[in-house]
Amino acid sequence: MTGLAASLLTGVTIGLSIAAPIGATSMLCIQQTLARGLPTGFAAGFGVATVHLIYSTLAAASGTLLL
């Protein structure tokens, strides 16, 4: 591996570890993936993303009603 590729891989790894904090929903996805396999972990992640989308849509709609 060249020096540039190693530096890029290191930067991506560190960046993702900082940008993706481990919270309750992340632990749920990790737990489901390790316990029941990749399809179940993917379903848990998709469910979490759907709930985040609904919450952010409600927040944006509420914000526009207040303005």
Protein backbone atom coordinates (compact mmCIF):
# COMPACT_ATOMS: atom_id res chain seq x y z
CA MET A 1 0.00 0.00 0.00
CA THR A 2 1.40 3.36 -0.94
CA GLY A 3 1.89 6.19 1.51
CA LEU A 4 -0.98 8.17 0.01
CA ALA A 5 -3.41 5.25 0.23
CA ALA A 6 -2.40 4.53 3.83
CA SER A 7 -2.88 8.17 4.78
CA LEU A 8 -6.25 8.28 3.06
CA LEU A 9 -7.40 5.10 4.82
CA THR A 10 -6.24 6.44 8.18
CA GLY A 11 -8.03 9.75 7.62
CA VAL A 12 -11.27 8.06 6.60
CA THR A 13 -11.15 5.74 9.60
CA ILE A 14 -10.54 8.56 12.06
CA GLY A 15 -13.13 10.78 10.39
CA LEU A 16 -15.83 8.14 10.54
CA SER A 17 -15.07 7.33 14.16
CA ILE A 18 -15.54 11.00 15.07
CA ALA A 19 -18.55 11.63 12.82
CA ALA A 20 -20.51 8.55 13.89
CA PRO A 21 -20.79 8.68 17.69
CA ILE A 22 -21.92 5.51 19.40
CA GLY A 23 -25.30 6.16 20.98
CA ALA A 24 -28.29 4.07 21.94
CA THR A 25 -29.51 3.61 18.37
CA SER A 26 -26.04 2.75 17.10
CA MET A 27 -25.68 0.15 19.82
CA LEU A 28 -29.08 -1.30 18.86
CA CYS A 29 -27.94 -1.71 15.26
CA ILE A 30 -24.61 -3.23 16.29
CA GLN A 31 -26.28 -5.60 18.76
CA GLN A 32 -28.89 -6.77 16.25
CA THR A 33 -26.26 -7.30 13.56
CA LEU A 34 -24.01 -9.34 15.80
CA ALA A 35 -26.83 -11.36 17.38
CA ARG A 36 -29.06 -12.05 14.39
CA GLY A 37 -27.04 -11.32 11.27
CA LEU A 38 -26.67 -8.65 8.63
CA PRO A 39 -30.27 -8.57 7.30
CA THR A 40 -31.66 -7.96 10.80
CA GLY A 41 -29.03 -5.32 11.50
CA PHE A 42 -29.85 -3.62 8.21
CA ALA A 43 -33.56 -3.64 9.12
CA ALA A 44 -32.79 -2.10 12.51
CA GLY A 45 -30.69 0.61 10.85
CA PHE A 46 -33.40 1.30 8.31
CA GLY A 47 -35.94 1.61 11.14
CA VAL A 48 -33.72 4.07 12.99
CA ALA A 49 -33.24 6.13 9.83
CA THR A 50 -36.99 6.16 9.22
CA VAL A 51 -37.71 7.42 12.73
CA HIS A 52 -35.06 10.14 12.34
CA LEU A 53 -36.67 11.18 9.04
CA ILE A 54 -40.11 11.40 10.65
CA TYR A 55 -38.82 13.42 13.61
CA SER A 56 -36.91 15.85 11.41
CA THR A 57 -39.90 16.25 9.08
CA LEU A 58 -42.16 17.04 12.05
CA ALA A 59 -39.59 19.50 13.42
CA ALA A 60 -39.26 21.26 10.05
CA ALA A 61 -43.05 21.43 9.63
CA SER A 62 -43.48 22.80 13.13
CA GLY A 63 -40.77 25.36 12.53
CA THR A 64 -42.42 26.64 9.36
CA LEU A 65 -45.77 26.93 11.15
CA LEU A 66 -44.18 29.09 13.86
CA LEU A 67 -42.65 31.45 11.32
